[in-house]
Amino acid sequence: METLKLDFAKGGGLLPAIILDYQTKKVLMFAYLNQESYRLTLETREMWYWSRTRQALWHKGAESGHLQKVKKIRTDCDCDTLLIEVEQLGVACHTGAKSCFFRQIWSADSDDDKEETC
């Protein structure tokens, strides 16, 4: 297996990560990893993130039980963004939604455009 050098420096020490359900390929969430959370993710095969809000490591599901078991990790051509497929145990979003991307702003399939507040 080829060893890739991820570019944590480009993002100020953080890599953005898109998290997909490994079966459905639907986007579950977007988050950031620093070198330590990336190392822990590789070691434990469960998702660890860096919380920019709390400025702390965050083991996804440690409190809620909604763990993410890692199935596949990819990087983009510049080695500065991750695409991670997981087995989601429970829901991904802190709101209780399966995915963090449940708010529709616009769709070509709908006349019902929404302006929601976050």
Protein backbone atom coordinates (compact mmCIF):
# COMPACT_ATOMS: atom_id res chain seq x y z
CA MET A 1 0.00 0.00 0.00
CA GLU A 2 1.30 3.44 -0.98
CA THR A 3 1.99 5.84 1.88
CA LEU A 4 0.63 9.31 1.17
CA LYS A 5 1.79 12.49 2.89
CA LEU A 6 -1.33 14.43 3.78
CA ASP A 7 -1.03 18.24 3.65
CA PHE A 8 -2.22 19.39 7.07
CA ALA A 9 -0.27 22.65 6.71
CA LYS A 10 -2.45 24.01 3.90
CA GLY A 11 -5.49 24.15 6.19
CA GLY A 12 -3.67 25.54 9.21
CA GLY A 13 -3.21 22.08 10.71
CA LEU A 14 -6.67 20.78 9.76
CA LEU A 15 -7.96 18.61 6.94
CA PRO A 16 -11.58 18.98 5.87
CA ALA A 17 -13.38 15.64 5.71
CA ILE A 18 -16.56 14.63 3.92
CA ILE A 19 -18.17 11.66 5.66
CA LEU A 20 -20.28 9.23 3.60
CA ASP A 21 -22.46 6.27 4.52
CA TYR A 22 -20.47 3.37 3.06
CA GLN A 23 -23.58 1.54 1.82
CA THR A 24 -25.76 4.35 0.44
CA LYS A 25 -22.91 6.79 -0.39
CA LYS A 26 -25.06 9.61 1.03
CA VAL A 27 -23.23 12.49 2.70
CA LEU A 28 -23.62 12.25 6.47
CA MET A 29 -21.53 15.16 7.66
CA PHE A 30 -18.56 17.45 7.13
CA ALA A 31 -15.89 17.95 9.79
CA TYR A 32 -12.18 18.54 10.35
CA LEU A 33 -9.33 16.30 11.43
CA ASN A 34 -5.98 17.35 12.82
CA GLN A 35 -2.97 15.03 12.87
CA GLU A 36 -3.89 13.56 16.26
CA SER A 37 -7.52 12.83 15.34
CA TYR A 38 -6.34 11.31 12.06
CA ARG A 39 -3.88 9.07 13.93
CA LEU A 40 -6.59 7.99 16.39
CA THR A 41 -9.00 7.31 13.52
CA LEU A 42 -6.45 5.03 11.85
CA GLU A 43 -5.62 3.26 15.13
CA THR A 44 -9.17 2.70 16.39
CA ARG A 45 -11.01 2.44 13.04
CA GLU A 46 -13.60 4.79 14.56
CA MET A 47 -13.96 8.47 13.67
CA TRP A 48 -12.15 11.10 15.68
CA TYR A 49 -12.41 14.78 14.78
CA TRP A 50 -11.03 18.14 15.84
CA SER A 51 -13.74 20.43 17.19
CA ARG A 52 -12.97 23.99 16.14
CA THR A 53 -15.62 25.25 18.56
CA ARG A 54 -14.30 23.44 21.64
CA GLN A 55 -10.67 23.35 20.45
CA ALA A 56 -10.54 19.70 21.46
CA LEU A 57 -10.47 16.16 20.11
CA TRP A 58 -13.90 14.64 19.59
CA HIS A 59 -14.59 10.89 19.38
CA LYS A 60 -17.79 10.69 17.35
CA GLY A 61 -20.42 8.82 19.34
CA ALA A 62 -18.46 8.59 22.59
CA GLU A 63 -21.29 10.29 24.47
CA SER A 64 -24.30 9.51 22.24
CA GLY A 65 -23.40 5.96 21.20
CA HIS A 66 -23.78 7.02 17.54
CA LEU A 67 -20.35 5.73 16.53
CA GLN A 68 -18.85 5.84 13.06
CA LYS A 69 -16.91 2.72 12.10
CA VAL A 70 -14.39 3.50 9.35
CA LYS A 71 -14.68 1.45 6.17
CA LYS A 72 -12.58 3.44 3.69
CA ILE A 73 -10.45 6.60 3.64
CA ARG A 74 -9.55 8.46 0.46
CA THR A 75 -7.84 11.76 -0.23
CA ASP A 76 -8.13 14.18 -3.12
CA CYS A 77 -5.45 14.85 -5.72
CA ASP A 78 -3.78 17.52 -3.54
CA CYS A 79 -3.80 15.36 -0.39
CA ASP A 80 -5.53 18.16 1.56
CA THR A 81 -9.12 16.86 1.83
CA LEU A 82 -10.47 13.51 3.02
CA LEU A 83 -13.44 11.46 1.82
CA ILE A 84 -14.27 8.88 4.48
CA GLU A 85 -16.84 6.10 4.24
CA VAL A 86 -18.26 4.88 7.53
CA GLU A 87 -20.78 2.52 9.00
CA GLN A 88 -23.00 4.93 10.93
CA LEU A 89 -24.40 3.45 14.14
CA GLY A 90 -27.44 5.59 14.90
CA VAL A 91 -27.63 9.09 13.47
CA ALA A 92 -24.84 11.38 12.30
CA CYS A 93 -26.32 14.76 13.22
CA HIS A 94 -26.55 16.19 16.74
CA THR A 95 -30.12 17.26 15.87
CA GLY A 96 -31.18 13.61 15.59
CA ALA A 97 -31.26 13.61 11.77
CA LYS A 98 -29.59 10.76 9.88
CA SER A 99 -27.46 13.29 7.97
CA CYS A 100 -26.35 16.81 8.86
CA PHE A 101 -27.44 17.85 5.35
CA PHE A 102 -31.22 17.80 5.76
CA ARG A 103 -32.01 21.48 5.15
CA GLN A 104 -32.97 22.12 1.54
CA ILE A 105 -32.30 25.59 0.22
CA TRP A 106 -33.13 25.04 -3.45
CA SER A 107 -33.95 22.21 -5.84
CA ALA A 108 -34.60 22.14 -9.58
CA ASP A 109 -37.24 19.48 -8.82
CA SER A 110 -39.29 21.73 -6.55
CA ASP A 111 -41.06 25.09 -6.70
CA ASP A 112 -40.95 25.20 -2.92
CA ASP A 113 -37.69 27.08 -2.31
CA LYS A 114 -36.96 27.63 1.35
CA GLU A 115 -35.05 30.26 3.23
CA GLU A 116 -34.24 28.59 6.54
CA THR A 117 -32.32 29.97 9.46
CA CYS A 118 -29.45 28.01 10.91
